[in-house]
Amino acid sequence: MVNNIKRSRGRPRKFDEDEAIRMATNVFWAKGFDGATIDDLVEGMGVGRPSLYAIFGDKSTLFVRCLEAYREDLGKQAAQALFGPTHVREAIRALLRFSVETATDPGSPLGCLMVCVAPLVDDDNVRRFLITSNEETTKAIAMRLNQGIEAKELQADFPSEERSRMLADMSRGLRVRARIGVPRQELLEDADRAAELFLHG
C-alpha cells in the first residue's frame, strides 16, 4: 500500500487530489502504463511536474494510487452486488452481471483497469497490489458462499474455497471479453448462464 504523504502546513492545494487521481486514471486507461509519460500525466491531471512528484510520487506510485481509488469505488459496488441479494444464487448472478455492467459502462473505457491494464505492468508494487486485491476478492466470495451453506441454500459439502477462485476468474473473463468488444447484452446472457453452471457444474 502507498504510504500517506504528509501535507504541508503552507498554502492550501490549488487542486483536488481525488479529482487529480481520477484524471490520472483516465490517462493510464487511454495510454497504458508504459505509454503514459510524465508530460501526459501533468497535462491530464492539471498539475505542475514538481507538484506531481511531491504529492503523488513517481509514476509507479501514482499508478498504484489510481488502482487503490479504482478498487475502492468498484469494491463497494461489488460488495453490494454480492452481499445485497438474500439468496446466494441471486448474489452470484448479481456479481457476474455487475462485472459486465461496469465493464461496458458507456461513460468509461471498456473492460477493467485492474484486469485489462494493470496485469501488463512490469512493476513489483503493482504486482503486489494485484495479488492482494485478488486474495481479498476470493475471500469475500468464499464468505458469501459459506453464508449460503449456513443458510442451507448450498449443500454442506459445497467447495466454497475452490469455487470462490472460479467465480473470480469468471468475473475477470467477462471483463476481458468486454474489453475486446463483445456486446453488453451477449455478456449479460452469458453471465446468467455462468451463474447457473457455477452452482451446478
C-alpha atoms as a PDB file:
ATOM      1  CA  MET A   1       0.000   0.000   0.000  1.00  0.00           C
ATOM      2  CA  VAL A   2       1.090   3.539  -0.575  1.00  0.00           C
ATOM      3  CA  ASN A   3       2.155   5.487   2.493  1.00  0.00           C
ATOM      4  CA  ASN A   4       0.176   8.604   3.257  1.00  0.00           C
ATOM      5  CA  ILE A   5       2.119  11.699   2.291  1.00  0.00           C
ATOM      6  CA  LYS A   6       2.291  14.391   4.944  1.00  0.00           C
ATOM      7  CA  ARG A   7       0.607  17.589   3.872  1.00  0.00           C
ATOM      8  CA  SER A   8       2.391  20.863   4.149  1.00  0.00           C
ATOM      9  CA  ARG A   9       1.047  23.478   6.533  1.00  0.00           C
ATOM     10  CA  GLY A  10       1.627  26.143   3.896  1.00  0.00           C
ATOM     11  CA  ARG A  11      -0.746  27.246   1.208  1.00  0.00           C
ATOM     12  CA  PRO A  12      -3.773  25.003   0.536  1.00  0.00           C
ATOM     13  CA  ARG A  13      -3.722  22.804  -2.547  1.00  0.00           C
ATOM     14  CA  LYS A  14      -4.911  24.570  -5.684  1.00  0.00           C
ATOM     15  CA  PHE A  15      -6.486  21.359  -6.932  1.00  0.00           C
ATOM     16  CA  ASP A  16      -8.456  18.433  -5.624  1.00  0.00           C
ATOM     17  CA  GLU A  17      -6.292  15.342  -5.164  1.00  0.00           C
ATOM     18  CA  ASP A  18      -9.174  12.924  -5.707  1.00  0.00           C
ATOM     19  CA  GLU A  19     -10.030  14.639  -8.979  1.00  0.00           C
ATOM     20  CA  ALA A  20      -6.361  14.580  -9.989  1.00  0.00           C
ATOM     21  CA  ILE A  21      -6.247  10.827  -9.333  1.00  0.00           C
ATOM     22  CA  ARG A  22      -9.371  10.379 -11.442  1.00  0.00           C
ATOM     23  CA  MET A  23      -7.776  12.313 -14.293  1.00  0.00           C
ATOM     24  CA  ALA A  24      -4.565  10.297 -13.975  1.00  0.00           C
ATOM     25  CA  THR A  25      -6.635   7.125 -14.185  1.00  0.00           C
ATOM     26  CA  ASN A  26      -8.085   8.372 -17.477  1.00  0.00           C
ATOM     27  CA  VAL A  27      -4.568   8.910 -18.828  1.00  0.00           C
ATOM     28  CA  PHE A  28      -3.471   5.402 -17.843  1.00  0.00           C
ATOM     29  CA  TRP A  29      -6.662   3.993 -19.361  1.00  0.00           C
ATOM     30  CA  ALA A  30      -6.038   5.781 -22.650  1.00  0.00           C
ATOM     31  CA  LYS A  31      -2.296   5.187 -22.988  1.00  0.00           C
ATOM     32  CA  GLY A  32      -1.492   2.271 -20.703  1.00  0.00           C
ATOM     33  CA  PHE A  33       1.165   2.421 -18.013  1.00  0.00           C
ATOM     34  CA  ASP A  34       4.193   2.253 -20.306  1.00  0.00           C
ATOM     35  CA  GLY A  35       2.683   4.596 -22.885  1.00  0.00           C
ATOM     36  CA  ALA A  36       1.750   7.313 -20.390  1.00  0.00           C
ATOM     37  CA  THR A  37       4.583   9.815 -19.983  1.00  0.00           C
ATOM     38  CA  ILE A  38       5.031  12.240 -17.122  1.00  0.00           C
ATOM     39  CA  ASP A  39       4.164  15.033 -19.556  1.00  0.00           C
ATOM     40  CA  ASP A  40       0.901  13.208 -20.386  1.00  0.00           C
ATOM     41  CA  LEU A  41       0.081  12.941 -16.685  1.00  0.00           C
ATOM     42  CA  VAL A  42       0.985  16.565 -15.947  1.00  0.00           C
ATOM     43  CA  GLU A  43      -1.300  17.707 -18.749  1.00  0.00           C
ATOM     44  CA  GLY A  44      -4.094  15.263 -17.956  1.00  0.00           C
ATOM     45  CA  MET A  45      -4.107  15.944 -14.215  1.00  0.00           C
ATOM     46  CA  GLY A  46      -3.718  19.691 -14.458  1.00  0.00           C
ATOM     47  CA  VAL A  47      -0.766  19.792 -12.060  1.00  0.00           C
ATOM     48  CA  GLY A  48       2.796  21.001 -12.354  1.00  0.00           C
ATOM     49  CA  ARG A  49       5.597  18.472 -12.614  1.00  0.00           C
ATOM     50  CA  PRO A  50       7.047  19.417  -9.162  1.00  0.00           C
ATOM     51  CA  SER A  51       3.598  19.055  -7.573  1.00  0.00           C
ATOM     52  CA  LEU A  52       3.056  15.682  -9.211  1.00  0.00           C
ATOM     53  CA  TYR A  53       6.269  14.280  -7.755  1.00  0.00           C
ATOM     54  CA  ALA A  54       5.848  15.990  -4.367  1.00  0.00           C
ATOM     55  CA  ILE A  55       2.269  14.860  -3.796  1.00  0.00           C
ATOM     56  CA  PHE A  56       1.859  11.677  -5.796  1.00  0.00           C
ATOM     57  CA  GLY A  57       5.386  10.296  -6.105  1.00  0.00           C
ATOM     58  CA  ASP A  58       6.805   8.610  -9.184  1.00  0.00           C
ATOM     59  CA  LYS A  59       4.710   7.070 -11.961  1.00  0.00           C
ATOM     60  CA  SER A  60       4.567   3.641 -10.320  1.00  0.00           C
ATOM     61  CA  THR A  61       3.367   5.097  -7.023  1.00  0.00           C
ATOM     62  CA  LEU A  62       0.801   7.254  -8.804  1.00  0.00           C
ATOM     63  CA  PHE A  63      -0.499   4.251 -10.748  1.00  0.00           C
ATOM     64  CA  VAL A  64      -0.941   2.247  -7.548  1.00  0.00           C
ATOM     65  CA  ARG A  65      -2.864   5.159  -6.041  1.00  0.00           C
ATOM     66  CA  CYS A  66      -5.098   5.139  -9.109  1.00  0.00           C
ATOM     67  CA  LEU A  67      -5.625   1.398  -8.675  1.00  0.00           C
ATOM     68  CA  GLU A  68      -6.450   1.847  -4.993  1.00  0.00           C
ATOM     69  CA  ALA A  69      -9.052   4.516  -5.738  1.00  0.00           C
ATOM     70  CA  TYR A  70     -10.467   2.423  -8.570  1.00  0.00           C
ATOM     71  CA  ARG A  71     -10.669  -0.691  -6.403  1.00  0.00           C
ATOM     72  CA  GLU A  72     -12.260   1.186  -3.507  1.00  0.00           C
ATOM     73  CA  ASP A  73     -15.050   2.509  -5.711  1.00  0.00           C
ATOM     74  CA  LEU A  74     -15.546  -0.732  -7.606  1.00  0.00           C
ATOM     75  CA  GLY A  75     -15.207  -2.815  -4.442  1.00  0.00           C
ATOM     76  CA  LYS A  76     -18.045  -1.044  -2.661  1.00  0.00           C
ATOM     77  CA  GLN A  77     -20.342  -1.646  -5.598  1.00  0.00           C
ATOM     78  CA  ALA A  78     -19.231  -5.260  -5.957  1.00  0.00           C
ATOM     79  CA  ALA A  79     -19.889  -5.875  -2.260  1.00  0.00           C
ATOM     80  CA  GLN A  80     -23.428  -4.552  -2.680  1.00  0.00           C
ATOM     81  CA  ALA A  81     -23.958  -6.929  -5.594  1.00  0.00           C
ATOM     82  CA  LEU A  82     -22.515  -9.891  -3.707  1.00  0.00           C
ATOM     83  CA  PHE A  83     -23.981  -9.348  -0.252  1.00  0.00           C
ATOM     84  CA  GLY A  84     -27.155  -7.452  -1.142  1.00  0.00           C
ATOM     85  CA  PRO A  85     -29.359 -10.268  -2.513  1.00  0.00           C
ATOM     86  CA  THR A  86     -30.970 -12.505   0.085  1.00  0.00           C
ATOM     87  CA  HIS A  87     -30.326 -15.808  -1.710  1.00  0.00           C
ATOM     88  CA  VAL A  88     -26.809 -16.853  -2.663  1.00  0.00           C
ATOM     89  CA  ARG A  89     -27.971 -17.860  -6.143  1.00  0.00           C
ATOM     90  CA  GLU A  90     -29.054 -14.297  -6.861  1.00  0.00           C
ATOM     91  CA  ALA A  91     -25.868 -12.964  -5.272  1.00  0.00           C
ATOM     92  CA  ILE A  92     -23.700 -14.912  -7.712  1.00  0.00           C
ATOM     93  CA  ARG A  93     -25.795 -13.793 -10.654  1.00  0.00           C
ATOM     94  CA  ALA A  94     -25.713 -10.188  -9.434  1.00  0.00           C
ATOM     95  CA  LEU A  95     -21.922 -10.230  -9.092  1.00  0.00           C
ATOM     96  CA  LEU A  96     -21.358 -11.528 -12.623  1.00  0.00           C
ATOM     97  CA  ARG A  97     -23.872  -9.091 -14.086  1.00  0.00           C
ATOM     98  CA  PHE A  98     -22.185  -6.298 -12.152  1.00  0.00           C
ATOM     99  CA  SER A  99     -18.883  -7.240 -13.803  1.00  0.00           C
ATOM    100  CA  VAL A 100     -20.492  -6.907 -17.214  1.00  0.00           C
ATOM    101  CA  GLU A 101     -22.357  -3.693 -16.448  1.00  0.00           C
ATOM    102  CA  THR A 102     -19.317  -1.854 -15.083  1.00  0.00           C
ATOM    103  CA  ALA A 103     -17.066  -3.162 -17.867  1.00  0.00           C
ATOM    104  CA  THR A 104     -19.469  -1.886 -20.517  1.00  0.00           C
ATOM    105  CA  ASP A 105     -20.455   1.399 -18.896  1.00  0.00           C
ATOM    106  CA  PRO A 106     -20.900   3.957 -21.699  1.00  0.00           C
ATOM    107  CA  GLY A 107     -19.227   6.575 -19.520  1.00  0.00           C
ATOM    108  CA  SER A 108     -15.886   4.767 -19.197  1.00  0.00           C
ATOM    109  CA  PRO A 109     -13.463   2.671 -21.255  1.00  0.00           C
ATOM    110  CA  LEU A 110     -14.449  -0.923 -21.920  1.00  0.00           C
ATOM    111  CA  GLY A 111     -13.107  -3.558 -19.558  1.00  0.00           C
ATOM    112  CA  CYS A 112     -11.464  -3.033 -16.175  1.00  0.00           C
ATOM    113  CA  LEU A 113      -8.335  -1.106 -15.203  1.00  0.00           C
ATOM    114  CA  MET A 114      -7.248  -3.882 -12.842  1.00  0.00           C
ATOM    115  CA  VAL A 115      -7.918  -6.688 -15.320  1.00  0.00           C
ATOM    116  CA  CYS A 116      -7.074  -5.164 -18.687  1.00  0.00           C
ATOM    117  CA  VAL A 117      -4.309  -2.651 -17.901  1.00  0.00           C
ATOM    118  CA  ALA A 118      -2.583  -3.376 -14.589  1.00  0.00           C
ATOM    119  CA  PRO A 119      -1.514  -7.009 -15.306  1.00  0.00           C
ATOM    120  CA  LEU A 120       0.592  -5.737 -18.226  1.00  0.00           C
ATOM    121  CA  VAL A 121       2.689  -3.547 -15.930  1.00  0.00           C
ATOM    122  CA  ASP A 122       6.113  -4.961 -15.049  1.00  0.00           C
ATOM    123  CA  ASP A 123       6.375  -3.435 -11.590  1.00  0.00           C
ATOM    124  CA  ASP A 124       6.677  -5.129  -8.200  1.00  0.00           C
ATOM    125  CA  ASN A 125       4.371  -2.658  -6.432  1.00  0.00           C
ATOM    126  CA  VAL A 126       1.643  -3.158  -8.995  1.00  0.00           C
ATOM    127  CA  ARG A 127       2.070  -6.921  -8.908  1.00  0.00           C
ATOM    128  CA  ARG A 128       1.789  -6.999  -5.120  1.00  0.00           C
ATOM    129  CA  PHE A 129      -1.314  -4.829  -5.292  1.00  0.00           C
ATOM    130  CA  LEU A 130      -2.975  -7.178  -7.764  1.00  0.00           C
ATOM    131  CA  ILE A 131      -2.122 -10.271  -5.724  1.00  0.00           C
ATOM    132  CA  THR A 132      -3.526  -8.708  -2.550  1.00  0.00           C
ATOM    133  CA  SER A 133      -6.629  -7.498  -4.353  1.00  0.00           C
ATOM    134  CA  ASN A 134      -7.281 -10.935  -5.800  1.00  0.00           C
ATOM    135  CA  GLU A 135      -6.921 -12.541  -2.375  1.00  0.00           C
ATOM    136  CA  GLU A 136      -9.405 -10.068  -0.882  1.00  0.00           C
ATOM    137  CA  THR A 137     -11.865 -10.736  -3.685  1.00  0.00           C
ATOM    138  CA  THR A 138     -11.760 -14.513  -3.333  1.00  0.00           C
ATOM    139  CA  LYS A 139     -12.089 -14.263   0.450  1.00  0.00           C
ATOM    140  CA  ALA A 140     -15.209 -12.107   0.093  1.00  0.00           C
ATOM    141  CA  ILE A 141     -16.735 -14.554  -2.384  1.00  0.00           C
ATOM    142  CA  ALA A 142     -15.903 -17.519  -0.154  1.00  0.00           C
ATOM    143  CA  MET A 143     -17.538 -15.731   2.771  1.00  0.00           C
ATOM    144  CA  ARG A 144     -20.733 -15.234   0.757  1.00  0.00           C
ATOM    145  CA  LEU A 145     -20.739 -18.865  -0.374  1.00  0.00           C
ATOM    146  CA  ASN A 146     -20.271 -20.019   3.214  1.00  0.00           C
ATOM    147  CA  GLN A 147     -23.249 -17.890   4.198  1.00  0.00           C
ATOM    148  CA  GLY A 148     -25.197 -19.795   1.566  1.00  0.00           C
ATOM    149  CA  ILE A 149     -24.064 -23.086   3.074  1.00  0.00           C
ATOM    150  CA  GLU A 150     -25.092 -21.954   6.566  1.00  0.00           C
ATOM    151  CA  ALA A 151     -28.496 -20.910   5.216  1.00  0.00           C
ATOM    152  CA  LYS A 152     -28.817 -24.346   3.560  1.00  0.00           C
ATOM    153  CA  GLU A 153     -29.049 -22.703   0.151  1.00  0.00           C
ATOM    154  CA  LEU A 154     -25.998 -24.725  -0.861  1.00  0.00           C
ATOM    155  CA  GLN A 155     -25.017 -28.270   0.024  1.00  0.00           C
ATOM    156  CA  ALA A 156     -22.928 -28.671   3.146  1.00  0.00           C
ATOM    157  CA  ASP A 157     -20.023 -30.031   1.106  1.00  0.00           C
ATOM    158  CA  PHE A 158     -20.090 -27.218  -1.464  1.00  0.00           C
ATOM    159  CA  PRO A 159     -16.395 -26.399  -2.202  1.00  0.00           C
ATOM    160  CA  SER A 160     -16.559 -22.703  -1.367  1.00  0.00           C
ATOM    161  CA  GLU A 161     -12.802 -22.085  -1.439  1.00  0.00           C
ATOM    162  CA  GLU A 162     -12.328 -23.637  -4.877  1.00  0.00           C
ATOM    163  CA  ARG A 163     -15.478 -22.085  -6.295  1.00  0.00           C
ATOM    164  CA  SER A 164     -14.560 -18.629  -4.988  1.00  0.00           C
ATOM    165  CA  ARG A 165     -11.468 -18.662  -7.198  1.00  0.00           C
ATOM    166  CA  MET A 166     -13.550 -19.951 -10.083  1.00  0.00           C
ATOM    167  CA  LEU A 167     -16.106 -17.172  -9.709  1.00  0.00           C
ATOM    168  CA  ALA A 168     -13.388 -14.530  -9.563  1.00  0.00           C
ATOM    169  CA  ASP A 169     -11.964 -15.950 -12.797  1.00  0.00           C
ATOM    170  CA  MET A 170     -15.409 -15.874 -14.407  1.00  0.00           C
ATOM    171  CA  SER A 171     -15.778 -12.233 -13.451  1.00  0.00           C
ATOM    172  CA  ARG A 172     -12.379 -11.334 -14.917  1.00  0.00           C
ATOM    173  CA  GLY A 173     -13.137 -13.275 -18.089  1.00  0.00           C
ATOM    174  CA  LEU A 174     -16.313 -11.289 -18.670  1.00  0.00           C
ATOM    175  CA  ARG A 175     -14.375  -8.048 -18.235  1.00  0.00           C
ATOM    176  CA  VAL A 176     -11.728  -9.133 -20.735  1.00  0.00           C
ATOM    177  CA  ARG A 177     -14.403 -10.058 -23.278  1.00  0.00           C
ATOM    178  CA  ALA A 178     -15.982  -6.646 -22.747  1.00  0.00           C
ATOM    179  CA  ARG A 179     -12.606  -5.055 -23.471  1.00  0.00           C
ATOM    180  CA  ILE A 180     -12.387  -6.760 -26.859  1.00  0.00           C
ATOM    181  CA  GLY A 181     -15.845  -5.545 -27.803  1.00  0.00           C
ATOM    182  CA  VAL A 182     -18.299  -8.367 -27.104  1.00  0.00           C
ATOM    183  CA  PRO A 183     -21.784  -6.769 -26.929  1.00  0.00           C
ATOM    184  CA  ARG A 184     -23.165  -5.985 -23.488  1.00  0.00           C
ATOM    185  CA  GLN A 185     -26.370  -7.990 -23.951  1.00  0.00           C
ATOM    186  CA  GLU A 186     -24.448 -11.084 -25.018  1.00  0.00           C
ATOM    187  CA  LEU A 187     -22.224 -10.789 -21.954  1.00  0.00           C
ATOM    188  CA  LEU A 188     -25.212 -10.367 -19.636  1.00  0.00           C
ATOM    189  CA  GLU A 189     -26.792 -13.515 -21.044  1.00  0.00           C
ATOM    190  CA  ASP A 190     -23.523 -15.381 -20.620  1.00  0.00           C
ATOM    191  CA  ALA A 191     -23.254 -14.090 -17.052  1.00  0.00           C
ATOM    192  CA  ASP A 192     -26.673 -15.559 -16.242  1.00  0.00           C
ATOM    193  CA  ARG A 193     -25.736 -18.914 -17.774  1.00  0.00           C
ATOM    194  CA  ALA A 194     -22.386 -18.905 -15.990  1.00  0.00           C
ATOM    195  CA  ALA A 195     -24.120 -18.321 -12.638  1.00  0.00           C
ATOM    196  CA  GLU A 196     -26.216 -21.442 -13.160  1.00  0.00           C
ATOM    197  CA  LEU A 197     -23.266 -23.536 -14.265  1.00  0.00           C
ATOM    198  CA  PHE A 198     -21.241 -22.266 -11.334  1.00  0.00           C
ATOM    199  CA  LEU A 199     -23.729 -23.686  -8.843  1.00  0.00           C
ATOM    200  CA  HIS A 200     -24.363 -26.971 -10.594  1.00  0.00           C
ATOM    201  CA  GLY A 201     -21.240 -27.651 -12.610  1.00  0.00           C
END
